PDB file of N, CA and C in Angstrom:
ATOM      1  N   MET A   1      27.615  -7.793 -32.859  1.00  0.00           N
ATOM      2  CA  MET A   1      26.294  -7.995 -32.311  1.00  0.00           C
ATOM      3  C   MET A   1      26.075  -7.001 -31.167  1.00  0.00           C
ATOM      4  N   HIS A   2      24.906  -6.420 -31.107  1.00  0.00           N
ATOM      5  CA  HIS A   2      24.569  -5.455 -30.059  1.00  0.00           C
ATOM      6  C   HIS A   2      23.788  -6.152 -28.945  1.00  0.00           C
ATOM      7  N   TYR A   3      24.080  -5.792 -27.709  1.00  0.00           N
ATOM      8  CA  TYR A   3      23.436  -6.404 -26.549  1.00  0.00           C
ATOM      9  C   TYR A   3      22.589  -5.400 -25.768  1.00  0.00           C
ATOM     10  N   LYS A   4      22.346  -4.237 -26.348  1.00  0.00           N
ATOM     11  CA  LYS A   4      21.588  -3.184 -25.659  1.00  0.00           C
ATOM     12  C   LYS A   4      20.206  -3.677 -25.238  1.00  0.00           C
ATOM     13  N   HIS A   5      19.597  -4.570 -26.018  1.00  0.00           N
ATOM     14  CA  HIS A   5      18.264  -5.076 -25.695  1.00  0.00           C
ATOM     15  C   HIS A   5      18.266  -5.939 -24.429  1.00  0.00           C
ATOM     16  N   LEU A   6      19.448  -6.369 -23.963  1.00  0.00           N
ATOM     17  CA  LEU A   6      19.533  -7.186 -22.757  1.00  0.00           C
ATOM     18  C   LEU A   6      19.654  -6.356 -21.482  1.00  0.00           C
ATOM     19  N   ASP A   7      19.869  -5.061 -21.616  1.00  0.00           N
ATOM     20  CA  ASP A   7      19.995  -4.196 -20.443  1.00  0.00           C
ATOM     21  C   ASP A   7      18.696  -4.211 -19.638  1.00  0.00           C
ATOM     22  N   GLN A   8      18.838  -4.269 -18.321  1.00  0.00           N
ATOM     23  CA  GLN A   8      17.682  -4.306 -17.433  1.00  0.00           C
ATOM     24  C   GLN A   8      17.794  -3.199 -16.404  1.00  0.00           C
ATOM     25  N   GLU A   9      16.648  -2.702 -15.971  1.00  0.00           N
ATOM     26  CA  GLU A   9      16.580  -1.659 -14.943  1.00  0.00           C
ATOM     27  C   GLU A   9      15.512  -2.049 -13.943  1.00  0.00           C
ATOM     28  N   VAL A  10      15.864  -1.997 -12.663  1.00  0.00           N
ATOM     29  CA  VAL A  10      14.921  -2.296 -11.586  1.00  0.00           C
ATOM     30  C   VAL A  10      14.906  -1.099 -10.658  1.00  0.00           C
ATOM     31  N   ARG A  11      13.731  -0.586 -10.346  1.00  0.00           N
ATOM     32  CA  ARG A  11      13.605   0.587  -9.479  1.00  0.00           C
ATOM     33  C   ARG A  11      12.894   0.224  -8.180  1.00  0.00           C
ATOM     34  N   THR A  12      13.387   0.795  -7.091  1.00  0.00           N
ATOM     35  CA  THR A  12      12.696   0.745  -5.814  1.00  0.00           C
ATOM     36  C   THR A  12      12.422   2.187  -5.419  1.00  0.00           C
ATOM     37  N   GLU A  13      11.934   2.403  -4.223  1.00  0.00           N
ATOM     38  CA  GLU A  13      11.579   3.763  -3.810  1.00  0.00           C
ATOM     39  C   GLU A  13      12.781   4.709  -3.814  1.00  0.00           C
ATOM     40  N   HIS A  14      13.948   4.210  -3.376  1.00  0.00           N
ATOM     41  CA  HIS A  14      15.105   5.094  -3.242  1.00  0.00           C
ATOM     42  C   HIS A  14      16.310   4.686  -4.083  1.00  0.00           C
ATOM     43  N   LYS A  15      16.206   3.578  -4.845  1.00  0.00           N
ATOM     44  CA  LYS A  15      17.365   3.089  -5.591  1.00  0.00           C
ATOM     45  C   LYS A  15      16.973   2.655  -6.991  1.00  0.00           C
ATOM     46  N   VAL A  16      17.976   2.633  -7.856  1.00  0.00           N
ATOM     47  CA  VAL A  16      17.839   2.080  -9.205  1.00  0.00           C
ATOM     48  C   VAL A  16      18.971   1.087  -9.395  1.00  0.00           C
ATOM     49  N   PHE A  17      18.653  -0.091  -9.896  1.00  0.00           N
ATOM     50  CA  PHE A  17      19.656  -1.105 -10.207  1.00  0.00           C
ATOM     51  C   PHE A  17      19.664  -1.300 -11.718  1.00  0.00           C
ATOM     52  N   LEU A  18      20.843  -1.195 -12.321  1.00  0.00           N
ATOM     53  CA  LEU A  18      21.003  -1.367 -13.760  1.00  0.00           C
ATOM     54  C   LEU A  18      21.908  -2.568 -14.002  1.00  0.00           C
ATOM     55  N   ILE A  19      21.536  -3.410 -14.952  1.00  0.00           N
ATOM     56  CA  ILE A  19      22.362  -4.540 -15.361  1.00  0.00           C
ATOM     57  C   ILE A  19      22.607  -4.390 -16.854  1.00  0.00           C
ATOM     58  N   ASN A  20      23.883  -4.318 -17.236  1.00  0.00           N
ATOM     59  CA  ASN A  20      24.261  -4.132 -18.634  1.00  0.00           C
ATOM     60  C   ASN A  20      25.193  -5.245 -19.068  1.00  0.00           C
ATOM     61  N   VAL A  21      25.054  -5.693 -20.309  1.00  0.00           N
ATOM     62  CA  VAL A  21      25.993  -6.613 -20.936  1.00  0.00           C
ATOM     63  C   VAL A  21      27.019  -5.755 -21.668  1.00  0.00           C
ATOM     64  N   ILE A  22      28.317  -5.964 -21.359  1.00  0.00           N
ATOM     65  CA  ILE A  22      29.374  -5.141 -21.955  1.00  0.00           C
ATOM     66  C   ILE A  22      30.471  -6.040 -22.537  1.00  0.00           C
ATOM     67  N   ASN A  23      31.462  -5.436 -23.129  1.00  0.00           N
ATOM     68  CA  ASN A  23      32.610  -6.145 -23.711  1.00  0.00           C
ATOM     69  C   ASN A  23      32.182  -7.198 -24.720  1.00  0.00           C
ATOM     70  N   GLY A  24      31.262  -6.840 -25.598  1.00  0.00           N
ATOM     71  CA  GLY A  24      30.824  -7.764 -26.632  1.00  0.00           C
ATOM     72  C   GLY A  24      30.148  -9.007 -26.090  1.00  0.00           C
ATOM     73  N   GLY A  25      29.478  -8.871 -24.962  1.00  0.00           N
ATOM     74  CA  GLY A  25      28.762  -9.999 -24.369  1.00  0.00           C
ATOM     75  C   GLY A  25      29.608 -10.848 -23.445  1.00  0.00           C
ATOM     76  N   GLN A  26      30.823 -10.403 -23.126  1.00  0.00           N
ATOM     77  CA  GLN A  26      31.725 -11.184 -22.279  1.00  0.00           C
ATOM     78  C   GLN A  26      31.615 -10.848 -20.793  1.00  0.00           C
ATOM     79  N   SER A  27      31.031  -9.701 -20.461  1.00  0.00           N
ATOM     80  CA  SER A  27      30.988  -9.260 -19.071  1.00  0.00           C
ATOM     81  C   SER A  27      29.626  -8.652 -18.739  1.00  0.00           C
ATOM     82  N   LEU A  28      29.332  -8.626 -17.435  1.00  0.00           N
ATOM     83  CA  LEU A  28      28.134  -7.966 -16.922  1.00  0.00           C
ATOM     84  C   LEU A  28      28.562  -6.801 -16.042  1.00  0.00           C
ATOM     85  N   LYS A  29      27.811  -5.727 -16.114  1.00  0.00           N
ATOM     86  CA  LYS A  29      28.062  -4.546 -15.278  1.00  0.00           C
ATOM     87  C   LYS A  29      26.804  -4.292 -14.460  1.00  0.00           C
ATOM     88  N   PHE A  30      26.965  -4.258 -13.141  1.00  0.00           N
ATOM     89  CA  PHE A  30      25.863  -3.990 -12.226  1.00  0.00           C
ATOM     90  C   PHE A  30      26.079  -2.610 -11.620  1.00  0.00           C
ATOM     91  N   VAL A  31      25.064  -1.768 -11.664  1.00  0.00           N
ATOM     92  CA  VAL A  31      25.150  -0.426 -11.096  1.00  0.00           C
ATOM     93  C   VAL A  31      23.996  -0.257 -10.115  1.00  0.00           C
ATOM     94  N   GLU A  32      24.333   0.158  -8.900  1.00  0.00           N
ATOM     95  CA  GLU A  32      23.311   0.522  -7.910  1.00  0.00           C
ATOM     96  C   GLU A  32      23.394   2.024  -7.751  1.00  0.00           C
ATOM     97  N   ARG A  33      22.302   2.699  -7.985  1.00  0.00           N
ATOM     98  CA  ARG A  33      22.251   4.151  -7.815  1.00  0.00           C
ATOM     99  C   ARG A  33      21.257   4.485  -6.720  1.00  0.00           C
ATOM    100  N   ASN A  34      21.706   5.305  -5.782  1.00  0.00           N
ATOM    101  CA  ASN A  34      20.769   5.846  -4.801  1.00  0.00           C
ATOM    102  C   ASN A  34      20.855   7.357  -4.886  1.00  0.00           C
ATOM    103  N   LYS A  35      20.250   8.044  -3.959  1.00  0.00           N
ATOM    104  CA  LYS A  35      20.199   9.505  -4.037  1.00  0.00           C
ATOM    105  C   LYS A  35      21.560  10.163  -3.827  1.00  0.00           C
ATOM    106  N   VAL A  36      22.522   9.412  -3.281  1.00  0.00           N
ATOM    107  CA  VAL A  36      23.803  10.000  -2.936  1.00  0.00           C
ATOM    108  C   VAL A  36      24.934   9.560  -3.861  1.00  0.00           C
ATOM    109  N   LYS A  37      24.997   8.273  -4.221  1.00  0.00           N
ATOM    110  CA  LYS A  37      26.175   7.746  -4.882  1.00  0.00           C
ATOM    111  C   LYS A  37      25.831   6.574  -5.797  1.00  0.00           C
ATOM    112  N   ASP A  38      26.732   6.290  -6.752  1.00  0.00           N
ATOM    113  CA  ASP A  38      26.636   5.113  -7.617  1.00  0.00           C
ATOM    114  C   ASP A  38      27.663   4.082  -7.160  1.00  0.00           C
ATOM    115  N   PHE A  39      27.284   2.817  -7.196  1.00  0.00           N
ATOM    116  CA  PHE A  39      28.186   1.712  -6.904  1.00  0.00           C
ATOM    117  C   PHE A  39      28.203   0.818  -8.135  1.00  0.00           C
ATOM    118  N   VAL A  40      29.392   0.462  -8.625  1.00  0.00           N
ATOM    119  CA  VAL A  40      29.522  -0.304  -9.861  1.00  0.00           C
ATOM    120  C   VAL A  40      30.328  -1.569  -9.602  1.00  0.00           C
ATOM    121  N   ILE A  41      29.832  -2.706 -10.098  1.00  0.00           N
ATOM    122  CA  ILE A  41      30.542  -3.979 -10.071  1.00  0.00           C
ATOM    123  C   ILE A  41      30.530  -4.511 -11.489  1.00  0.00           C
ATOM    124  N   THR A  42      31.693  -4.931 -11.980  1.00  0.00           N
ATOM    125  CA  THR A  42      31.798  -5.533 -13.303  1.00  0.00           C
ATOM    126  C   THR A  42      32.412  -6.916 -13.144  1.00  0.00           C
ATOM    127  N   MET A  43      31.839  -7.923 -13.813  1.00  0.00           N
ATOM    128  CA  MET A  43      32.390  -9.274 -13.745  1.00  0.00           C
ATOM    129  C   MET A  43      32.202  -9.993 -15.069  1.00  0.00           C
ATOM    130  N   LYS A  44      33.076 -10.933 -15.330  1.00  0.00           N
ATOM    131  CA  LYS A  44      32.945 -11.761 -16.523  1.00  0.00           C
ATOM    132  C   LYS A  44      31.762 -12.706 -16.342  1.00  0.00           C
ATOM    133  N   LEU A  45      31.230 -13.210 -17.420  1.00  0.00           N
ATOM    134  CA  LEU A  45      30.033 -14.055 -17.348  1.00  0.00           C
ATOM    135  C   LEU A  45      30.249 -15.287 -16.482  1.00  0.00           C
ATOM    136  N   GLY A  46      31.443 -15.856 -16.472  1.00  0.00           N
ATOM    137  CA  GLY A  46      31.717 -17.003 -15.598  1.00  0.00           C
ATOM    138  C   GLY A  46      31.543 -16.635 -14.132  1.00  0.00           C
ATOM    139  N   GLY A  47      31.993 -15.450 -13.761  1.00  0.00           N
ATOM    140  CA  GLY A  47      31.822 -14.972 -12.390  1.00  0.00           C
ATOM    141  C   GLY A  47      30.364 -14.729 -12.063  1.00  0.00           C
ATOM    142  N   ALA A  48      29.614 -14.241 -13.036  1.00  0.00           N
ATOM    143  CA  ALA A  48      28.184 -14.011 -12.824  1.00  0.00           C
ATOM    144  C   ALA A  48      27.451 -15.334 -12.630  1.00  0.00           C
ATOM    145  N   GLY A  49      27.844 -16.356 -13.385  1.00  0.00           N
ATOM    146  CA  GLY A  49      27.246 -17.685 -13.221  1.00  0.00           C
ATOM    147  C   GLY A  49      27.533 -18.258 -11.852  1.00  0.00           C
ATOM    148  N   TRP A  50      28.780 -18.095 -11.386  1.00  0.00           N
ATOM    149  CA  TRP A  50      29.157 -18.566 -10.059  1.00  0.00           C
ATOM    150  C   TRP A  50      28.349 -17.846  -8.982  1.00  0.00           C
ATOM    151  N   LEU A  51      28.226 -16.525  -9.095  1.00  0.00           N
ATOM    152  CA  LEU A  51      27.464 -15.749  -8.121  1.00  0.00           C
ATOM    153  C   LEU A  51      26.001 -16.184  -8.108  1.00  0.00           C
ATOM    154  N   SER A  52      25.441 -16.424  -9.283  1.00  0.00           N
ATOM    155  CA  SER A  52      24.054 -16.887  -9.378  1.00  0.00           C
ATOM    156  C   SER A  52      23.878 -18.226  -8.677  1.00  0.00           C
ATOM    157  N   ASP A  53      24.826 -19.150  -8.872  1.00  0.00           N
ATOM    158  CA  ASP A  53      24.762 -20.454  -8.202  1.00  0.00           C
ATOM    159  C   ASP A  53      24.825 -20.297  -6.691  1.00  0.00           C
ATOM    160  N   CYS A  54      25.701 -19.410  -6.210  1.00  0.00           N
ATOM    161  CA  CYS A  54      25.822 -19.172  -4.763  1.00  0.00           C
ATOM    162  C   CYS A  54      24.524 -18.609  -4.185  1.00  0.00           C
ATOM    163  N   LEU A  55      23.941 -17.632  -4.878  1.00  0.00           N
ATOM    164  CA  LEU A  55      22.698 -17.027  -4.390  1.00  0.00           C
ATOM    165  C   LEU A  55      21.558 -18.037  -4.396  1.00  0.00           C
ATOM    166  N   GLU A  56      21.510 -18.891  -5.406  1.00  0.00           N
ATOM    167  CA  GLU A  56      20.468 -19.922  -5.461  1.00  0.00           C
ATOM    168  C   GLU A  56      20.619 -20.896  -4.303  1.00  0.00           C
ATOM    169  N   GLU A  57      21.858 -21.283  -4.009  1.00  0.00           N
ATOM    170  CA  GLU A  57      22.096 -22.193  -2.896  1.00  0.00           C
ATOM    171  C   GLU A  57      21.721 -21.547  -1.570  1.00  0.00           C
ATOM    172  N   MET A  58      22.093 -20.282  -1.390  1.00  0.00           N
ATOM    173  CA  MET A  58      21.766 -19.586  -0.147  1.00  0.00           C
ATOM    174  C   MET A  58      20.257 -19.423   0.033  1.00  0.00           C
ATOM    175  N   SER A  59      19.528 -19.222  -1.068  1.00  0.00           N
ATOM    176  CA  SER A  59      18.079 -19.042  -0.950  1.00  0.00           C
ATOM    177  C   SER A  59      17.387 -20.322  -0.514  1.00  0.00           C
ATOM    178  N   SER A  60      18.052 -21.470  -0.699  1.00  0.00           N
ATOM    179  CA  SER A  60      17.437 -22.741  -0.299  1.00  0.00           C
ATOM    180  C   SER A  60      17.727 -23.081   1.160  1.00  0.00           C
ATOM    181  N   TRP A  61      18.647 -22.348   1.796  1.00  0.00           N
ATOM    182  CA  TRP A  61      18.962 -22.614   3.207  1.00  0.00           C
ATOM    183  C   TRP A  61      17.806 -22.178   4.082  1.00  0.00           C
ATOM    184  N   LYS A  62      17.628 -22.893   5.162  1.00  0.00           N
ATOM    185  CA  LYS A  62      16.604 -22.497   6.127  1.00  0.00           C
ATOM    186  C   LYS A  62      17.111 -21.304   6.921  1.00  0.00           C
ATOM    187  N   GLU A  63      16.181 -20.493   7.381  1.00  0.00           N
ATOM    188  CA  GLU A  63      16.545 -19.315   8.159  1.00  0.00           C
ATOM    189  C   GLU A  63      17.312 -19.757   9.392  1.00  0.00           C
ATOM    190  N   GLY A  64      18.419 -19.095   9.664  1.00  0.00           N
ATOM    191  CA  GLY A  64      19.244 -19.437  10.820  1.00  0.00           C
ATOM    192  C   GLY A  64      20.316 -20.468  10.507  1.00  0.00           C
ATOM    193  N   ALA A  65      20.339 -21.048   9.301  1.00  0.00           N
ATOM    194  CA  ALA A  65      21.336 -22.056   8.969  1.00  0.00           C
ATOM    195  C   ALA A  65      22.722 -21.441   8.813  1.00  0.00           C
ATOM    196  N   LEU A  66      22.788 -20.177   8.491  1.00  0.00           N
ATOM    197  CA  LEU A  66      24.054 -19.492   8.312  1.00  0.00           C
ATOM    198  C   LEU A  66      24.380 -18.750   9.608  1.00  0.00           C
ATOM    199  N   LEU A  67      25.330 -19.242  10.345  1.00  0.00           N
ATOM    200  CA  LEU A  67      25.686 -18.620  11.636  1.00  0.00           C
ATOM    201  C   LEU A  67      27.061 -18.044  11.578  1.00  0.00           C
TER     202      LEU A  67
END
């Protein structure tokens, strides 16, 4: 099965963020590109789910709750 249709690209003024499904759908690859350098993070889907849960929880915190 091909996962190329799941690849996403987000652009800002100075950066590009790419999200790719790799390893037959078992892992996610995140790439941040700016004018100088590329930064790459690869994680298994379980790790991506955990990170998503953490970010969702943090977004519900009130400003200043994290000291």
